[in-house]
Protein backbone atom coordinates (compact mmCIF):
# COMPACT_ATOMS: atom_id res chain seq x y z
CA MET A 1 20.05 -14.85 1.64
CA GLN A 2 22.34 -12.94 -0.71
CA LEU A 3 25.57 -13.68 1.14
CA PRO A 4 27.20 -16.29 -1.17
CA ILE A 5 27.74 -18.89 1.53
CA ASN A 6 24.07 -18.70 2.57
CA ALA A 7 22.51 -18.08 -0.85
CA PRO A 8 20.20 -20.71 -2.35
CA LYS A 9 21.46 -22.56 -5.42
CA LYS A 10 18.45 -21.46 -7.48
CA ARG A 11 17.44 -17.82 -7.87
CA VAL A 12 14.85 -16.73 -5.32
CA ALA A 13 13.01 -13.43 -5.78
CA THR A 14 11.71 -11.77 -2.62
CA ASN A 15 10.35 -8.38 -1.73
CA GLN A 16 13.09 -7.87 0.84
CA GLN A 17 15.11 -4.66 0.82
CA GLY A 18 17.34 -2.76 3.17
CA GLY A 19 18.55 -5.75 5.17
CA GLN A 20 22.04 -6.46 6.41
CA MET A 21 24.50 -7.74 3.81
CA GLU A 22 22.18 -6.80 0.97
CA TYR A 23 23.96 -6.84 -2.40
CA LYS A 24 21.01 -6.12 -4.66
CA VAL A 25 17.23 -5.67 -4.62
CA ASP A 26 15.15 -8.22 -6.51
CA ILE A 27 13.40 -6.27 -9.26
CA ALA A 28 11.53 -8.15 -11.97
CA SER A 29 11.08 -6.64 -15.41
CA GLY A 30 8.14 -4.24 -15.35
CA GLN A 31 8.08 -4.16 -11.55
CA ASN A 32 7.64 -0.87 -9.74
CA PRO A 33 10.92 -0.50 -7.77
CA HIS A 34 9.13 1.45 -5.02
CA VAL A 35 6.80 -1.43 -4.07
CA ASN A 36 8.16 -4.12 -1.75
CA TYR A 37 4.92 -5.76 -0.65
CA GLU A 38 2.17 -7.87 -2.12
CA PRO A 39 -0.54 -7.85 -3.16
CA SER A 40 -0.22 -4.42 -4.74
CA VAL A 41 -2.13 -2.59 -7.46
CA LEU A 42 1.07 -0.60 -8.13
CA GLY A 43 3.12 -3.36 -9.77
CA GLY A 44 5.09 -5.17 -7.07
CA LEU A 45 6.36 -8.74 -7.27
CA LYS A 46 3.70 -11.42 -7.70
CA GLU A 47 3.86 -14.82 -6.06
CA ALA A 48 5.14 -17.37 -8.55
CA GLU A 49 2.92 -20.20 -9.69
CA GLN A 50 3.74 -23.47 -7.93
CA VAL A 51 5.80 -25.70 -10.20
CA GLY A 52 6.23 -29.32 -9.25
CA LYS A 53 5.13 -31.04 -6.11
CA VAL A 54 4.72 -28.97 -2.96
CA HIS A 55 7.20 -29.94 -0.24
CA GLU A 56 5.35 -31.78 2.52
CA PRO A 57 7.70 -32.61 5.40
CA HIS A 58 6.66 -35.49 7.67
CA TYR A 59 6.42 -35.62 11.44
CA ASN A 60 4.15 -38.50 12.44
CA GLU A 61 1.57 -36.88 10.16
CA LYS A 62 1.69 -34.75 7.04
CA LEU A 63 2.42 -31.07 7.46
CA VAL A 64 0.72 -29.28 4.58
CA ARG A 65 0.36 -25.71 3.48
CA GLY A 66 -3.14 -24.38 3.26
CA LYS A 67 -5.32 -21.42 4.01
CA ILE A 68 -6.90 -21.29 7.43
CA GLU A 69 -10.58 -22.12 7.42
CA ARG A 70 -11.86 -18.78 8.66
CA PRO A 71 -9.46 -15.93 7.86
CA ASN A 72 -10.14 -12.68 9.66
CA ASP A 73 -7.69 -10.32 8.01
CA THR A 74 -9.43 -7.09 9.03
CA GLY A 75 -11.01 -8.08 12.35
CA GLN A 76 -8.45 -6.31 14.51
CA ALA A 77 -8.76 -3.06 12.55
CA GLY A 78 -12.55 -3.18 12.89
CA ASP A 79 -12.40 -3.96 16.61
CA THR A 80 -9.97 -1.09 17.16
CA TYR A 81 -12.17 1.36 15.22
CA ARG A 82 -15.29 0.33 17.17
CA SER A 83 -13.43 0.74 20.48
CA PHE A 84 -12.58 4.40 19.76
CA GLU A 85 -14.38 7.33 21.34
CA GLU A 86 -16.35 9.46 18.87
CA TRP A 87 -13.69 12.21 18.82
CA GLU A 88 -10.99 9.59 18.12
CA LYS A 89 -13.00 8.24 15.18
CA GLU A 90 -13.41 11.78 13.80
CA GLU A 91 -9.68 12.46 14.13
CA LEU A 92 -8.81 9.15 12.45
CA ILE A 93 -11.23 9.84 9.57
CA SER A 94 -9.79 13.34 9.16
CA ASN A 95 -6.19 12.10 9.11
CA LEU A 96 -6.95 9.31 6.64
CA THR A 97 -8.90 11.69 4.40
CA GLU A 98 -5.96 14.10 4.29
CA ALA A 99 -3.62 11.26 3.38
CA LEU A 100 -5.93 9.71 0.78
CA LYS A 101 -7.10 12.85 -1.02
CA VAL A 102 -3.76 13.13 -2.82
CA CYS A 103 -3.80 9.49 -3.96
CA GLN A 104 -4.87 8.18 -7.33
CA PRO A 105 -8.55 7.13 -7.49
CA HIS A 106 -7.83 3.38 -7.75
CA ILE A 107 -5.80 3.56 -4.54
CA GLN A 108 -8.56 5.52 -2.79
CA GLU A 109 -11.13 2.90 -3.85
CA LYS A 110 -8.95 0.01 -2.67
CA MET A 111 -8.38 1.64 0.72
CA ILE A 112 -12.11 2.35 1.15
CA GLU A 113 -12.71 -1.33 0.33
CA HIS A 114 -10.31 -2.35 3.13
CA PHE A 115 -11.88 0.06 5.64
CA THR A 116 -15.40 -1.15 4.73
CA HIS A 117 -14.34 -4.76 5.17
CA ALA A 118 -13.04 -3.91 8.66
CA ASP A 119 -16.24 -2.05 9.61
CA LYS A 120 -19.10 -0.81 7.41
CA ASP A 121 -19.37 2.48 9.31
CA TYR A 122 -15.59 2.98 9.06
CA GLY A 123 -15.67 2.57 5.27
CA ARG A 124 -18.77 4.77 4.90
CA CYS A 125 -17.26 7.60 6.97
CA ILE A 126 -13.99 7.53 5.02
CA SER A 127 -15.86 7.42 1.70
CA GLU A 128 -18.11 10.37 2.60
CA SER A 129 -15.28 12.43 4.04
CA LEU A 130 -13.07 11.75 1.02
CA ALA A 131 -15.88 12.61 -1.41
CA LYS A 132 -16.43 15.91 0.41
CA ALA A 133 -12.70 16.71 0.42
CA MET A 134 -12.41 15.93 -3.30
CA ALA A 135 -15.43 18.13 -4.10
CA ASN A 136 -13.91 21.05 -2.16
CA GLN A 137 -10.59 20.72 -3.96
CA LYS A 138 -10.09 23.43 -6.59
CA ARG A 139 -8.13 21.14 -8.88
CA ASN A 140 -6.51 17.75 -8.93
CA HIS A 141 -3.12 17.63 -7.32
CA THR A 142 -0.66 14.93 -6.46
CA SER A 143 0.88 16.34 -3.33
CA THR A 144 0.05 18.52 -0.34
CA ASP A 145 -1.69 21.89 -0.40
CA ASP A 146 1.64 23.51 0.56
CA ALA A 147 3.32 21.89 -2.45
CA ASP A 148 0.52 23.14 -4.71
CA ARG A 149 0.89 26.69 -3.36
CA ALA A 150 4.67 26.54 -3.89
CA ALA A 151 4.19 25.34 -7.48
CA ASP A 152 1.66 28.12 -8.16
CA LYS A 153 4.03 30.73 -6.70
CA ALA A 154 6.94 29.46 -8.80
CA GLN A 155 4.80 29.53 -11.93
CA LYS A 156 3.74 33.15 -11.24
CA MET A 157 7.35 34.20 -10.62
CA GLY A 158 8.61 32.53 -13.81
CA HIS A 159 8.70 34.17 -17.22
CA GLU A 160 9.56 33.31 -20.80
CA ALA A 161 13.23 33.58 -21.63
CA ASP A 162 14.90 34.17 -24.96
CA PRO A 163 17.77 31.66 -24.92
CA TYR A 164 19.67 33.58 -27.67
């Protein structure tokens, strides 16, 4: 879409990055440059409000845009979770807990909301496991335990210096 011969006449902002023939990444003012999906609580692009009449192409009848009557956005995730053996569920919960315990609380809450929507037991298990992991943590950190140990070691090895 950015190749001049193919580019639209009006500016179009997308979340696309890393494609072939990419000249630039669409970044709106105030947008988090690390987020290329929506919806996001981290400040990605937002869908623009519809201005003007929606294009409705004709083919014997009207083709219109609209939400499906019964969306099931998390059904597959719930079905997959319920199909797992007990040891697979435990391993999944453990892996997700390890990944989520370093995230900011609003991200943890949003992910638990998604897991709960997929399956109530799934969300409950993640929530309980994450609460236990957070309680066992000595302090808040924003990375892995190895990174925390490395930072502690560097701090212990460091000393004040007199620059003059």
